[in-house]
Amino acid sequence: MRLSHKAAAEFIGTFALVFAGCGSVMLLERLPGSISPMAIPLVFGAVIACMIYAVGHVSGAHFNPAVTLAFSVARHFPMNEVPAYWAAQFGGALFASFLLSALLPAGVTFGATVPALPLLPALGVEMVLSFLLMFVIIAVATDTRAEGTMAGAAIGGIVSVAAYVGGPLTGASMNPARSLAPALFEHQLGPLWIYFIGPALGTLVAALAYEWIRGTTEKKKASGCC
């Protein structure tokens, strides 16, 4: 598979995540009553699950720079392809936020993740949520004992759970690309470092922890979620 094709799949998948997920947050403000606040975590989980099934066989369906980094450090993904994946992921997120700003009625929010906690506790929450996300991802994606056909459901499920628990605290980003794009449009750059450092540390620890738990079990050859 050509790297350009894999990068295109990552662009589309990350675009879908931000367009649907952040779009649902924007609808809540711009068109009151059009969507329930309780449905937003389900939207994030569902779009992730759908896109994993759509392009997981093409790119591995990372849709997250922190996940790509963790896969690479754990030696499930080639380091020389990381820059292309990052460019595609950030590009897809930015394009989604641009289209949302152009298509939806004018408003204030763009789905930016803003902590409701002091900075250090917020960083800790993002680390824990990202750890749980990556732990599920690397388990279903790389362990031959895991049920690979359920990867999309498992990963989408943990995204929704994390969003329900962590959404009121930090926005439950777990993803630098998902946070950067709306933050730029919403001019909420102050706490942005939390959503880069927290997911990076959380996913790295999770990947290394699962590699230790796995032991010597044979690994899947796939380089991503499916």
Protein backbone atom coordinates (compact mmCIF):
# COMPACT_ATOMS: atom_id res chain seq x y z
CA MET A 1 0.00 0.00 0.00
CA ARG A 2 1.41 3.39 -0.99
CA LEU A 3 2.08 5.86 1.79
CA SER A 4 0.06 8.47 -0.10
CA HIS A 5 -2.98 6.18 0.00
CA LYS A 6 -2.57 5.51 3.70
CA ALA A 7 -2.14 9.22 4.40
CA ALA A 8 -5.30 9.97 2.43
CA ALA A 9 -7.22 7.43 4.53
CA GLU A 10 -5.91 9.08 7.71
CA PHE A 11 -6.93 12.50 6.38
CA ILE A 12 -10.48 11.31 5.67
CA GLY A 13 -10.83 9.46 8.96
CA THR A 14 -9.62 12.39 11.07
CA PHE A 15 -11.77 14.74 9.01
CA ALA A 16 -14.82 12.59 9.80
CA LEU A 17 -13.98 12.54 13.50
CA VAL A 18 -13.77 16.33 13.78
CA PHE A 19 -16.59 17.09 11.36
CA ALA A 20 -19.07 14.79 13.12
CA GLY A 21 -17.79 15.08 16.69
CA CYS A 22 -17.02 18.78 16.87
CA GLY A 23 -19.92 19.45 14.52
CA SER A 24 -22.30 17.93 17.06
CA VAL A 25 -20.90 20.28 19.73
CA MET A 26 -21.39 23.24 17.41
CA LEU A 27 -24.97 22.19 16.62
CA LEU A 28 -25.75 22.18 20.34
CA GLU A 29 -24.93 25.89 20.48
CA ARG A 30 -26.13 27.07 17.10
CA LEU A 31 -29.36 25.07 16.83
CA PRO A 32 -30.61 24.45 20.40
CA GLY A 33 -32.69 21.32 20.68
CA SER A 34 -31.26 19.77 17.51
CA ILE A 35 -29.12 17.34 19.48
CA SER A 36 -29.01 16.16 23.07
CA PRO A 37 -25.82 16.85 25.04
CA MET A 38 -25.89 13.19 26.10
CA ALA A 39 -25.66 12.13 22.46
CA ILE A 40 -22.34 13.86 21.81
CA PRO A 41 -20.11 11.15 23.35
CA LEU A 42 -21.99 8.58 21.27
CA VAL A 43 -21.33 10.60 18.12
CA PHE A 44 -17.59 10.61 18.80
CA GLY A 45 -17.54 6.88 19.49
CA ALA A 46 -19.74 5.99 16.53
CA VAL A 47 -17.79 7.97 13.96
CA ILE A 48 -14.53 6.43 15.17
CA ALA A 49 -16.01 2.93 14.92
CA CYS A 50 -17.39 3.57 11.44
CA MET A 51 -14.14 4.97 10.09
CA ILE A 52 -12.12 2.09 11.56
CA TYR A 53 -14.27 -0.35 9.62
CA ALA A 54 -14.07 1.88 6.52
CA VAL A 55 -10.30 2.42 6.26
CA GLY A 56 -8.66 0.34 8.98
CA HIS A 57 -7.46 -2.11 6.33
CA VAL A 58 -5.85 0.76 4.41
CA SER A 59 -4.03 2.86 6.99
CA GLY A 60 -4.55 1.15 10.34
CA ALA A 61 -7.08 3.86 11.27
CA HIS A 62 -5.02 5.81 13.79
CA PHE A 63 -6.74 9.22 13.29
CA ASN A 64 -4.64 10.49 16.20
CA PRO A 65 -1.02 11.72 16.24
CA ALA A 66 -0.52 10.38 19.78
CA VAL A 67 -1.66 6.90 18.71
CA THR A 68 0.68 6.97 15.72
CA LEU A 69 3.57 7.96 17.97
CA ALA A 70 2.81 5.21 20.47
CA PHE A 71 2.56 2.55 17.75
CA SER A 72 5.91 3.69 16.40
CA VAL A 73 7.66 3.63 19.79
CA ALA A 74 6.22 0.15 20.42
CA ARG A 75 7.61 -0.94 17.02
CA HIS A 76 4.25 -1.61 15.39
CA PHE A 77 4.60 1.25 12.92
CA PRO A 78 7.57 2.52 10.88
CA MET A 79 9.04 5.74 12.25
CA ASN A 80 9.72 7.11 8.76
CA GLU A 81 5.95 7.17 8.04
CA VAL A 82 5.05 9.12 11.18
CA PRO A 83 5.47 12.62 9.62
CA ALA A 84 3.12 11.76 6.74
CA TYR A 85 0.49 10.42 9.14
CA TRP A 86 0.77 13.48 11.36
CA ALA A 87 0.43 15.82 8.39
CA ALA A 88 -2.67 13.94 7.20
CA GLN A 89 -4.26 13.85 10.65
CA PHE A 90 -3.74 17.52 11.43
CA GLY A 91 -4.73 18.44 7.88
CA GLY A 92 -7.97 16.46 8.05
CA ALA A 93 -8.88 18.02 11.39
CA LEU A 94 -8.16 21.56 10.19
CA PHE A 95 -10.15 21.06 6.99
CA ALA A 96 -13.11 19.75 9.00
CA SER A 97 -13.09 22.79 11.30
CA PHE A 98 -12.82 25.08 8.28
CA LEU A 99 -15.85 23.49 6.61
CA LEU A 100 -17.86 23.58 9.83
CA SER A 101 -17.13 27.28 10.22
CA ALA A 102 -18.20 27.89 6.64
CA LEU A 103 -21.33 25.72 6.58
CA LEU A 104 -22.96 26.13 9.99
CA PRO A 105 -24.68 29.26 11.31
CA ALA A 106 -22.44 31.75 13.08
CA GLY A 107 -21.67 31.00 16.69
CA VAL A 108 -19.03 31.12 19.40
CA THR A 109 -17.90 27.53 19.91
CA PHE A 110 -16.08 25.24 17.49
CA GLY A 111 -15.80 22.20 19.74
CA ALA A 112 -12.55 23.25 21.40
CA THR A 113 -11.48 21.25 24.44
CA VAL A 114 -11.14 23.57 27.45
CA PRO A 115 -10.38 22.15 30.92
CA ALA A 116 -12.81 22.71 33.77
CA LEU A 117 -10.06 21.70 36.19
CA PRO A 118 -6.75 23.30 37.16
CA LEU A 119 -4.06 22.61 34.57
CA LEU A 120 -2.19 19.77 36.29
CA PRO A 121 -5.31 17.75 37.23
CA ALA A 122 -6.57 18.31 33.69
CA LEU A 123 -3.29 16.99 32.34
CA GLY A 124 -3.67 13.93 34.56
CA VAL A 125 -7.20 13.28 33.30
CA GLU A 126 -6.08 13.46 29.68
CA MET A 127 -3.20 11.08 30.43
CA VAL A 128 -5.50 8.53 32.06
CA LEU A 129 -8.14 8.71 29.33
CA SER A 130 -5.49 8.43 26.62
CA PHE A 131 -3.93 5.48 28.43
CA LEU A 132 -7.26 3.63 28.42
CA LEU A 133 -7.86 4.45 24.77
CA MET A 134 -4.43 3.25 23.65
CA PHE A 135 -4.57 0.16 25.85
CA VAL A 136 -7.72 -0.97 24.05
CA ILE A 137 -6.35 0.00 20.63
CA ILE A 138 -3.05 -1.83 20.92
CA ALA A 139 -4.75 -4.89 22.39
CA VAL A 140 -7.29 -5.37 19.62
CA ALA A 141 -4.93 -4.22 16.87
CA THR A 142 -1.77 -6.15 17.57
CA ASP A 143 -2.52 -9.23 19.70
CA THR A 144 -3.43 -12.42 17.85
CA ARG A 145 -5.58 -13.51 20.79
CA ALA A 146 -7.89 -10.51 20.41
CA GLU A 147 -11.04 -10.60 18.26
CA GLY A 148 -9.97 -8.33 15.39
CA THR A 149 -13.42 -8.04 13.86
CA MET A 150 -14.61 -6.29 17.01
CA ALA A 151 -11.88 -3.63 16.91
CA GLY A 152 -14.14 -0.85 15.72
CA ALA A 153 -16.79 -1.57 18.35
CA ALA A 154 -14.22 -1.85 21.15
CA ILE A 155 -12.37 1.33 20.24
CA GLY A 156 -15.54 3.30 19.54
CA GLY A 157 -16.89 2.08 22.86
CA ILE A 158 -13.91 3.26 24.89
CA VAL A 159 -14.03 6.63 23.11
CA SER A 160 -17.68 7.06 24.15
CA VAL A 161 -17.00 5.94 27.72
CA ALA A 162 -14.06 8.32 28.03
CA ALA A 163 -16.15 11.15 26.62
CA TYR A 164 -18.95 10.52 29.13
CA VAL A 165 -16.53 10.42 32.07
CA GLY A 166 -13.94 12.98 31.00
CA GLY A 167 -15.99 15.28 28.81
CA PRO A 168 -17.18 17.52 31.67
CA LEU A 169 -13.62 17.66 33.07
CA THR A 170 -11.36 18.29 30.08
CA GLY A 171 -13.43 17.68 26.96
CA ALA A 172 -11.91 14.17 26.75
CA SER A 173 -9.77 14.97 23.75
CA MET A 174 -7.13 12.19 23.86
CA ASN A 175 -6.07 13.51 20.45
CA PRO A 176 -3.85 16.52 19.60
CA ALA A 177 -5.35 16.89 16.12
CA ARG A 178 -8.91 16.88 17.44
CA SER A 179 -7.97 19.64 19.92
CA LEU A 180 -5.75 21.82 17.73
CA ALA A 181 -8.18 22.45 14.86
CA PRO A 182 -11.16 23.82 16.84
CA ALA A 183 -8.83 25.64 19.25
CA LEU A 184 -7.41 27.66 16.36
CA PHE A 185 -10.89 28.70 15.19
CA GLU A 186 -12.09 29.36 18.74
CA HIS A 187 -8.89 31.15 19.81
CA GLN A 188 -8.46 28.85 22.82
CA LEU A 189 -4.73 28.23 22.54
CA GLY A 190 -3.77 28.77 26.19
CA PRO A 191 -4.47 25.25 27.52
CA LEU A 192 -3.63 23.51 24.24
CA TRP A 193 -0.38 22.06 25.60
CA ILE A 194 -2.43 19.80 27.86
CA TYR A 195 -3.94 18.12 24.81
CA PHE A 196 -0.55 17.46 23.26
CA ILE A 197 1.42 16.30 26.29
CA GLY A 198 -1.36 14.36 28.04
CA PRO A 199 -2.32 12.13 25.09
CA ALA A 200 1.33 11.61 24.10
CA LEU A 201 2.34 10.43 27.57
CA GLY A 202 -0.81 8.39 28.14
CA THR A 203 -0.63 6.51 24.86
CA LEU A 204 3.11 5.84 25.21
CA VAL A 205 2.71 4.36 28.68
CA ALA A 206 -0.25 2.25 27.53
CA ALA A 207 1.61 0.87 24.50
CA LEU A 208 4.64 -0.08 26.58
CA ALA A 209 2.46 -1.53 29.35
CA TYR A 210 0.60 -3.78 26.93
CA GLU A 211 3.84 -4.92 25.33
CA TRP A 212 4.95 -6.05 28.79
CA ILE A 213 1.61 -7.74 29.55
CA ARG A 214 1.59 -9.46 26.16
CA GLY A 215 4.84 -11.28 26.90
CA THR A 216 6.10 -13.38 24.00
CA THR A 217 2.74 -13.90 22.29
CA GLU A 218 2.86 -13.59 18.51
CA LYS A 219 1.96 -10.13 17.23
CA LYS A 220 -0.37 -9.30 14.40
CA LYS A 221 1.31 -7.83 11.35
CA ALA A 222 -1.15 -4.98 11.10
CA SER A 223 0.23 -1.53 11.89
CA GLY A 224 -2.94 0.03 13.27
CA CYS A 225 -6.42 -0.43 14.60
CA CYS A 226 -7.53 -3.19 12.23
